[in-house]
C-alpha atoms as a PDB file:
ATOM      1  CA  MET A   1      94.360  75.971 132.437  1.00  0.00           C
ATOM      2  CA  SER A   2      98.119  76.497 132.705  1.00  0.00           C
ATOM      3  CA  ALA A   3      99.740  79.824 133.538  1.00  0.00           C
ATOM      4  CA  ALA A   4     101.405  79.940 130.115  1.00  0.00           C
ATOM      5  CA  VAL A   5      98.054  79.613 128.325  1.00  0.00           C
ATOM      6  CA  LEU A   6      96.479  82.290 130.527  1.00  0.00           C
ATOM      7  CA  MET A   7      99.371  84.602 129.741  1.00  0.00           C
ATOM      8  CA  GLN A   8      98.947  84.048 126.013  1.00  0.00           C
ATOM      9  CA  LEU A   9      95.223  84.725 126.358  1.00  0.00           C
ATOM     10  CA  GLU A  10      95.967  88.003 128.135  1.00  0.00           C
ATOM     11  CA  TYR A  11      98.299  89.030 125.324  1.00  0.00           C
ATOM     12  CA  PHE A  12      95.599  88.240 122.781  1.00  0.00           C
ATOM     13  CA  LEU A  13      93.044  90.323 124.689  1.00  0.00           C
ATOM     14  CA  ARG A  14      95.480  93.232 124.706  1.00  0.00           C
ATOM     15  CA  VAL A  15      95.826  93.036 120.941  1.00  0.00           C
ATOM     16  CA  LEU A  16      92.048  92.709 120.551  1.00  0.00           C
ATOM     17  CA  GLY A  17      91.404  95.700 122.816  1.00  0.00           C
ATOM     18  CA  ALA A  18      93.893  97.798 120.861  1.00  0.00           C
ATOM     19  CA  ALA A  19      92.152  96.886 117.599  1.00  0.00           C
ATOM     20  CA  ALA A  20      88.804  97.954 119.086  1.00  0.00           C
ATOM     21  CA  CYS A  21      90.215 101.351 120.110  1.00  0.00           C
ATOM     22  CA  GLY A  22      91.723 101.786 116.657  1.00  0.00           C
ATOM     23  CA  ALA A  23      88.388 100.927 115.056  1.00  0.00           C
ATOM     24  CA  VAL A  24      86.651 103.648 117.085  1.00  0.00           C
ATOM     25  CA  ILE A  25      89.117 106.267 115.848  1.00  0.00           C
ATOM     26  CA  GLY A  26      88.869 104.872 112.313  1.00  0.00           C
ATOM     27  CA  TYR A  27      85.073 105.075 112.381  1.00  0.00           C
ATOM     28  CA  GLU A  28      85.262 108.820 112.998  1.00  0.00           C
ATOM     29  CA  ARG A  29      87.709 109.239 110.085  1.00  0.00           C
ATOM     30  CA  GLU A  30      85.613 107.056 107.778  1.00  0.00           C
ATOM     31  CA  SER A  31      82.454 108.991 108.662  1.00  0.00           C
ATOM     32  CA  HIS A  32      84.194 112.050 107.207  1.00  0.00           C
ATOM     33  CA  MET A  33      85.079 110.180 104.003  1.00  0.00           C
ATOM     34  CA  LYS A  34      88.806 109.902 104.747  1.00  0.00           C
ATOM     35  CA  SER A  35      91.008 107.366 102.970  1.00  0.00           C
ATOM     36  CA  ALA A  36      92.184 105.738 106.216  1.00  0.00           C
ATOM     37  CA  GLY A  37      89.125 104.358 107.971  1.00  0.00           C
ATOM     38  CA  ILE A  38      88.099 101.579 110.337  1.00  0.00           C
ATOM     39  CA  ARG A  39      90.209  98.809 108.827  1.00  0.00           C
ATOM     40  CA  THR A  40      93.378 100.884 108.570  1.00  0.00           C
ATOM     41  CA  HIS A  41      93.236 102.213 112.121  1.00  0.00           C
ATOM     42  CA  ALA A  42      92.233  98.834 113.578  1.00  0.00           C
ATOM     43  CA  ILE A  43      95.112  97.076 111.821  1.00  0.00           C
ATOM     44  CA  VAL A  44      97.591  99.785 112.838  1.00  0.00           C
ATOM     45  CA  ALA A  45      96.517  99.563 116.487  1.00  0.00           C
ATOM     46  CA  LEU A  46      96.533  95.756 116.416  1.00  0.00           C
ATOM     47  CA  ALA A  47      99.982  95.567 114.837  1.00  0.00           C
ATOM     48  CA  SER A  48     101.525  98.155 117.155  1.00  0.00           C
ATOM     49  CA  SER A  49     100.071  96.364 120.181  1.00  0.00           C
ATOM     50  CA  LEU A  50     101.443  93.064 118.907  1.00  0.00           C
ATOM     51  CA  MET A  51     104.882  94.614 118.406  1.00  0.00           C
ATOM     52  CA  MET A  52     104.784  96.043 121.916  1.00  0.00           C
ATOM     53  CA  VAL A  53     103.881  92.670 123.413  1.00  0.00           C
ATOM     54  CA  LEU A  54     106.674  91.059 121.418  1.00  0.00           C
ATOM     55  CA  SER A  55     109.136  93.775 122.450  1.00  0.00           C
ATOM     56  CA  LYS A  56     108.246  93.512 126.131  1.00  0.00           C
ATOM     57  CA  TYR A  57     107.621  89.786 126.596  1.00  0.00           C
ATOM     58  CA  GLY A  58     108.896  87.968 123.521  1.00  0.00           C
ATOM     59  CA  PHE A  59     112.459  87.268 124.636  1.00  0.00           C
ATOM     60  CA  TYR A  60     112.045  85.888 128.132  1.00  0.00           C
ATOM     61  CA  ASP A  61     113.260  82.470 127.013  1.00  0.00           C
ATOM     62  CA  ILE A  62     116.778  83.689 126.214  1.00  0.00           C
ATOM     63  CA  LEU A  63     117.248  86.282 128.948  1.00  0.00           C
ATOM     64  CA  ALA A  64     118.304  83.582 131.400  1.00  0.00           C
ATOM     65  CA  ARG A  65     121.320  82.737 129.247  1.00  0.00           C
ATOM     66  CA  GLU A  66     124.692  84.063 130.279  1.00  0.00           C
ATOM     67  CA  HIS A  67     126.053  87.306 128.771  1.00  0.00           C
ATOM     68  CA  ILE A  68     122.738  88.183 127.083  1.00  0.00           C
ATOM     69  CA  GLY A  69     121.041  91.507 127.662  1.00  0.00           C
ATOM     70  CA  LEU A  70     118.122  92.964 125.712  1.00  0.00           C
ATOM     71  CA  ASP A  71     116.530  96.391 125.446  1.00  0.00           C
ATOM     72  CA  PRO A  72     112.739  95.832 125.545  1.00  0.00           C
ATOM     73  CA  SER A  73     112.076  99.224 123.944  1.00  0.00           C
ATOM     74  CA  ARG A  74     113.967  98.681 120.679  1.00  0.00           C
ATOM     75  CA  ILE A  75     111.148  97.078 118.689  1.00  0.00           C
ATOM     76  CA  ALA A  76     108.669  99.607 120.074  1.00  0.00           C
ATOM     77  CA  ALA A  77     110.930 102.468 118.982  1.00  0.00           C
ATOM     78  CA  GLY A  78     111.117 100.978 115.494  1.00  0.00           C
ATOM     79  CA  VAL A  79     107.322 100.941 115.265  1.00  0.00           C
ATOM     80  CA  VAL A  80     107.112 104.676 116.013  1.00  0.00           C
ATOM     81  CA  THR A  81     109.667 105.380 113.283  1.00  0.00           C
ATOM     82  CA  ALA A  82     108.091 103.075 110.700  1.00  0.00           C
ATOM     83  CA  VAL A  83     104.594 104.524 110.988  1.00  0.00           C
ATOM     84  CA  GLY A  84     105.884 107.749 109.437  1.00  0.00           C
ATOM     85  CA  PHE A  85     105.848 106.093 106.021  1.00  0.00           C
ATOM     86  CA  LEU A  86     102.208 105.141 106.456  1.00  0.00           C
ATOM     87  CA  GLY A  87     101.279 108.621 107.648  1.00  0.00           C
ATOM     88  CA  ALA A  88     102.993 110.224 104.663  1.00  0.00           C
ATOM     89  CA  GLY A  89     100.827 108.141 102.341  1.00  0.00           C
ATOM     90  CA  VAL A  90      97.598 109.835 103.454  1.00  0.00           C
ATOM     91  CA  ILE A  91      98.786 113.447 103.038  1.00  0.00           C
ATOM     92  CA  PHE A  92      97.876 115.064  99.722  1.00  0.00           C
ATOM     93  CA  ASN A  93      98.175 118.514  98.186  1.00  0.00           C
ATOM     94  CA  ARG A  94      94.682 119.035  96.794  1.00  0.00           C
ATOM     95  CA  LYS A  95      93.869 122.263  94.957  1.00  0.00           C
ATOM     96  CA  MET A  96      94.738 125.065  97.366  1.00  0.00           C
ATOM     97  CA  ASN A  97      94.906 123.019 100.536  1.00  0.00           C
ATOM     98  CA  VAL A  98      96.984 120.263 102.091  1.00  0.00           C
ATOM     99  CA  VAL A  99      94.686 117.482 103.289  1.00  0.00           C
ATOM    100  CA  GLY A 100      95.309 114.357 105.315  1.00  0.00           C
ATOM    101  CA  ILE A 101      97.503 115.843 108.039  1.00  0.00           C
ATOM    102  CA  THR A 102      94.891 115.188 110.727  1.00  0.00           C
ATOM    103  CA  THR A 103      94.408 111.620 109.498  1.00  0.00           C
ATOM    104  CA  ALA A 104      98.183 111.074 109.530  1.00  0.00           C
ATOM    105  CA  ALA A 105      98.367 112.427 113.076  1.00  0.00           C
ATOM    106  CA  GLY A 106      95.488 110.128 114.013  1.00  0.00           C
ATOM    107  CA  ILE A 107      97.362 107.112 112.669  1.00  0.00           C
ATOM    108  CA  TRP A 108     100.431 108.126 114.653  1.00  0.00           C
ATOM    109  CA  ALA A 109      98.295 108.510 117.798  1.00  0.00           C
ATOM    110  CA  THR A 110      96.676 105.134 117.091  1.00  0.00           C
ATOM    111  CA  VAL A 111     100.127 103.555 117.175  1.00  0.00           C
ATOM    112  CA  GLY A 112     100.678 105.055 120.621  1.00  0.00           C
ATOM    113  CA  ILE A 113      97.333 103.733 121.818  1.00  0.00           C
ATOM    114  CA  GLY A 114      98.101 100.264 120.476  1.00  0.00           C
ATOM    115  CA  MET A 115     101.512 100.259 122.155  1.00  0.00           C
ATOM    116  CA  ALA A 116     100.001 101.394 125.460  1.00  0.00           C
ATOM    117  CA  PHE A 117      97.448  98.574 125.251  1.00  0.00           C
ATOM    118  CA  GLY A 118     100.241  96.113 124.502  1.00  0.00           C
ATOM    119  CA  ALA A 119     102.127  97.342 127.574  1.00  0.00           C
ATOM    120  CA  GLY A 120      99.062  96.751 129.753  1.00  0.00           C
ATOM    121  CA  MET A 121      97.970 100.379 130.204  1.00  0.00           C
ATOM    122  CA  TYR A 122      94.305  99.724 129.466  1.00  0.00           C
ATOM    123  CA  ALA A 123      92.682 102.749 131.102  1.00  0.00           C
ATOM    124  CA  LEU A 124      95.144 105.145 129.476  1.00  0.00           C
ATOM    125  CA  SER A 125      94.531 103.604 126.044  1.00  0.00           C
ATOM    126  CA  VAL A 126      90.737 103.729 126.244  1.00  0.00           C
ATOM    127  CA  ALA A 127      90.702 107.267 127.659  1.00  0.00           C
ATOM    128  CA  SER A 128      93.114 108.488 124.970  1.00  0.00           C
ATOM    129  CA  SER A 129      91.000 106.919 122.212  1.00  0.00           C
ATOM    130  CA  LEU A 130      87.836 108.610 123.433  1.00  0.00           C
ATOM    131  CA  PHE A 131      89.620 111.936 123.825  1.00  0.00           C
ATOM    132  CA  ILE A 132      91.000 111.785 120.271  1.00  0.00           C
ATOM    133  CA  VAL A 133      87.534 111.075 118.855  1.00  0.00           C
ATOM    134  CA  PHE A 134      86.112 113.922 120.942  1.00  0.00           C
ATOM    135  CA  LEU A 135      88.711 116.346 119.575  1.00  0.00           C
ATOM    136  CA  GLN A 136      88.083 115.197 116.009  1.00  0.00           C
ATOM    137  CA  PHE A 137      84.358 115.867 116.251  1.00  0.00           C
ATOM    138  CA  LEU A 138      84.731 119.092 118.223  1.00  0.00           C
ATOM    139  CA  PHE A 139      87.171 120.838 115.908  1.00  0.00           C
ATOM    140  CA  HIS A 140      86.291 119.326 112.565  1.00  0.00           C
ATOM    141  CA  THR A 141      85.675 121.834 109.782  1.00  0.00           C
ATOM    142  CA  ARG A 142      82.226 120.473 108.997  1.00  0.00           C
ATOM    143  CA  PHE A 143      81.226 120.799 112.632  1.00  0.00           C
ATOM    144  CA  LEU A 144      82.211 124.479 112.602  1.00  0.00           C
ATOM    145  CA  TYR A 145      81.150 125.434 109.077  1.00  0.00           C
ATOM    146  CA  GLY A 146      78.435 122.964 108.120  1.00  0.00           C
ATOM    147  CA  ARG A 147      78.265 119.651 106.323  1.00  0.00           C
ATOM    148  CA  ASN A 148      80.426 120.709 103.377  1.00  0.00           C
ATOM    149  CA  ALA A 149      82.791 123.594 103.993  1.00  0.00           C
ATOM    150  CA  ILE A 150      84.089 125.150 100.776  1.00  0.00           C
ATOM    151  CA  MET A 151      87.619 126.367 100.083  1.00  0.00           C
ATOM    152  CA  GLU A 152      88.195 129.143  97.561  1.00  0.00           C
ATOM    153  CA  GLN A 153      91.061 131.336  96.420  1.00  0.00           C
ATOM    154  CA  ILE A 154      90.321 135.058  96.172  1.00  0.00           C
ATOM    155  CA  THR A 155      92.766 137.548  94.662  1.00  0.00           C
ATOM    156  CA  ILE A 156      92.291 141.235  95.384  1.00  0.00           C
ATOM    157  CA  GLN A 157      94.316 144.347  94.683  1.00  0.00           C
ATOM    158  CA  VAL A 158      94.386 147.148  97.238  1.00  0.00           C
ATOM    159  CA  ASP A 159      96.233 150.386  97.835  1.00  0.00           C
ATOM    160  CA  SER A 160      99.649 149.523  99.235  1.00  0.00           C
ATOM    161  CA  LYS A 161      99.158 152.101 101.977  1.00  0.00           C
ATOM    162  CA  GLU A 162      96.238 150.167 103.440  1.00  0.00           C
ATOM    163  CA  GLU A 163      96.745 148.190 106.652  1.00  0.00           C
ATOM    164  CA  ILE A 164      95.941 144.638 105.523  1.00  0.00           C
ATOM    165  CA  LYS A 165      94.871 143.204 108.872  1.00  0.00           C
ATOM    166  CA  GLY A 166      92.424 146.006 109.522  1.00  0.00           C
ATOM    167  CA  LEU A 167      91.064 145.886 105.967  1.00  0.00           C
ATOM    168  CA  LEU A 168      90.401 142.142 105.925  1.00  0.00           C
ATOM    169  CA  GLY A 169      89.182 142.129 109.502  1.00  0.00           C
ATOM    170  CA  GLY A 170      86.608 144.752 108.641  1.00  0.00           C
ATOM    171  CA  ILE A 171      85.357 142.785 105.630  1.00  0.00           C
ATOM    172  CA  PHE A 172      85.069 139.320 107.166  1.00  0.00           C
ATOM    173  CA  SER A 173      84.462 140.114 110.845  1.00  0.00           C
ATOM    174  CA  SER A 174      80.673 139.905 110.551  1.00  0.00           C
ATOM    175  CA  SER A 175      80.628 136.738 108.429  1.00  0.00           C
ATOM    176  CA  LYS A 176      81.464 133.068 108.955  1.00  0.00           C
ATOM    177  CA  ILE A 177      84.246 133.235 106.384  1.00  0.00           C
ATOM    178  CA  LYS A 178      87.561 132.037 107.770  1.00  0.00           C
ATOM    179  CA  ILE A 179      90.880 133.074 106.215  1.00  0.00           C
ATOM    180  CA  SER A 180      93.168 130.025 106.079  1.00  0.00           C
ATOM    181  CA  ASN A 181      96.169 131.605 104.395  1.00  0.00           C
ATOM    182  CA  ILE A 182      97.316 134.953 102.966  1.00  0.00           C
ATOM    183  CA  ASN A 183      99.951 135.667 100.335  1.00  0.00           C
ATOM    184  CA  ALA A 184     100.807 139.245  99.383  1.00  0.00           C
ATOM    185  CA  ARG A 185     103.101 140.787  96.786  1.00  0.00           C
ATOM    186  CA  ARG A 186     103.688 144.317  95.585  1.00  0.00           C
ATOM    187  CA  ILE A 187     102.575 145.036  92.000  1.00  0.00           C
ATOM    188  CA  ASP A 188     103.922 148.587  91.883  1.00  0.00           C
ATOM    189  CA  ASP A 189     104.484 151.515  94.203  1.00  0.00           C
ATOM    190  CA  THR A 190     100.779 152.010  94.828  1.00  0.00           C
ATOM    191  CA  THR A 191      99.217 148.547  94.462  1.00  0.00           C
ATOM    192  CA  LEU A 192      99.415 145.413  96.590  1.00  0.00           C
ATOM    193  CA  GLU A 193      98.070 142.054  95.370  1.00  0.00           C
ATOM    194  CA  ILE A 194      96.691 139.770  98.069  1.00  0.00           C
ATOM    195  CA  LYS A 195      95.776 136.096  97.580  1.00  0.00           C
ATOM    196  CA  LEU A 196      93.342 134.840 100.186  1.00  0.00           C
ATOM    197  CA  TYR A 197      92.514 131.188 100.832  1.00  0.00           C
ATOM    198  CA  VAL A 198      89.178 131.191 102.601  1.00  0.00           C
ATOM    199  CA  LYS A 199      86.744 128.629 104.017  1.00  0.00           C
ATOM    200  CA  PHE A 200      83.039 129.291 104.187  1.00  0.00           C
ATOM    201  CA  PRO A 201      79.829 127.284 104.772  1.00  0.00           C
ATOM    202  CA  GLU A 202      78.059 125.643 101.842  1.00  0.00           C
ATOM    203  CA  SER A 203      75.101 127.958 102.465  1.00  0.00           C
ATOM    204  CA  TYR A 204      77.224 130.865 101.223  1.00  0.00           C
ATOM    205  CA  ASP A 205      77.055 131.835  97.579  1.00  0.00           C
ATOM    206  CA  ILE A 206      80.275 132.898  95.858  1.00  0.00           C
ATOM    207  CA  TYR A 207      78.441 135.959  94.525  1.00  0.00           C
ATOM    208  CA  GLU A 208      77.653 137.032  98.079  1.00  0.00           C
ATOM    209  CA  ILE A 209      81.368 137.087  98.813  1.00  0.00           C
ATOM    210  CA  PHE A 210      81.989 138.987  95.584  1.00  0.00           C
ATOM    211  CA  THR A 211      79.394 141.589  96.583  1.00  0.00           C
ATOM    212  CA  LEU A 212      80.891 141.820 100.061  1.00  0.00           C
ATOM    213  CA  LEU A 213      84.273 142.659  98.554  1.00  0.00           C
ATOM    214  CA  LYS A 214      82.963 144.815  95.693  1.00  0.00           C
ATOM    215  CA  ASN A 215      81.231 147.181  98.074  1.00  0.00           C
ATOM    216  CA  ASN A 216      84.500 148.024  99.790  1.00  0.00           C
ATOM    217  CA  PRO A 217      85.993 151.175  98.204  1.00  0.00           C
ATOM    218  CA  GLN A 218      89.521 150.250  99.312  1.00  0.00           C
ATOM    219  CA  ILE A 219      89.635 147.250  96.956  1.00  0.00           C
ATOM    220  CA  LYS A 220      90.720 148.046  93.396  1.00  0.00           C
ATOM    221  CA  SER A 221      90.055 144.658  91.742  1.00  0.00           C
ATOM    222  CA  ILE A 222      88.691 141.213  92.611  1.00  0.00           C
ATOM    223  CA  ASN A 223      89.355 137.811  91.073  1.00  0.00           C
ATOM    224  CA  ILE A 224      87.531 134.736  92.412  1.00  0.00           C
END
């Protein structure tokens, strides 16, 4: 088998390995019912690896010509820029929360893994893929809060003299309720309206949260 054929086979194996790493990341995303799953991540990794191989090795035949110089990183840089359009397509504003940012970041990371595979950095690519999957499972909301974490908006009115951090910390410190975002505005000289965006496990009942808030004498009104 000629050296040229062996080289082409090595390039193909790089692309194939990148697709496999992308599929592993995509499997984790698909297992959490995300729009970008195995196929998307595998194709992104495959394509970015192919572009990297082309950028690094695709112009050897003309480099020997006089007065010709090429930057092998130009195509690779274009891939990093172009993937932003794909990442933007998986980010949505749903109800009270922005979703898809982690998936978009995963696609961007998948491009990096594919490019590293295309450049011949096999160990780095495989290790990065496994580490990304590990982080996704470790810090995923369902892992921390149960199979189906619930997001709710709660609006309360409190005395404007109250210290908000201490008040909310005292209410939610003993529960598994996580405050994702807080918006506050002054209603009048004595009343402050606070909008809370909270996450809590599916085992929680909304009436339990209502009771938790209702029993606090510092809260004037509650709207869930």
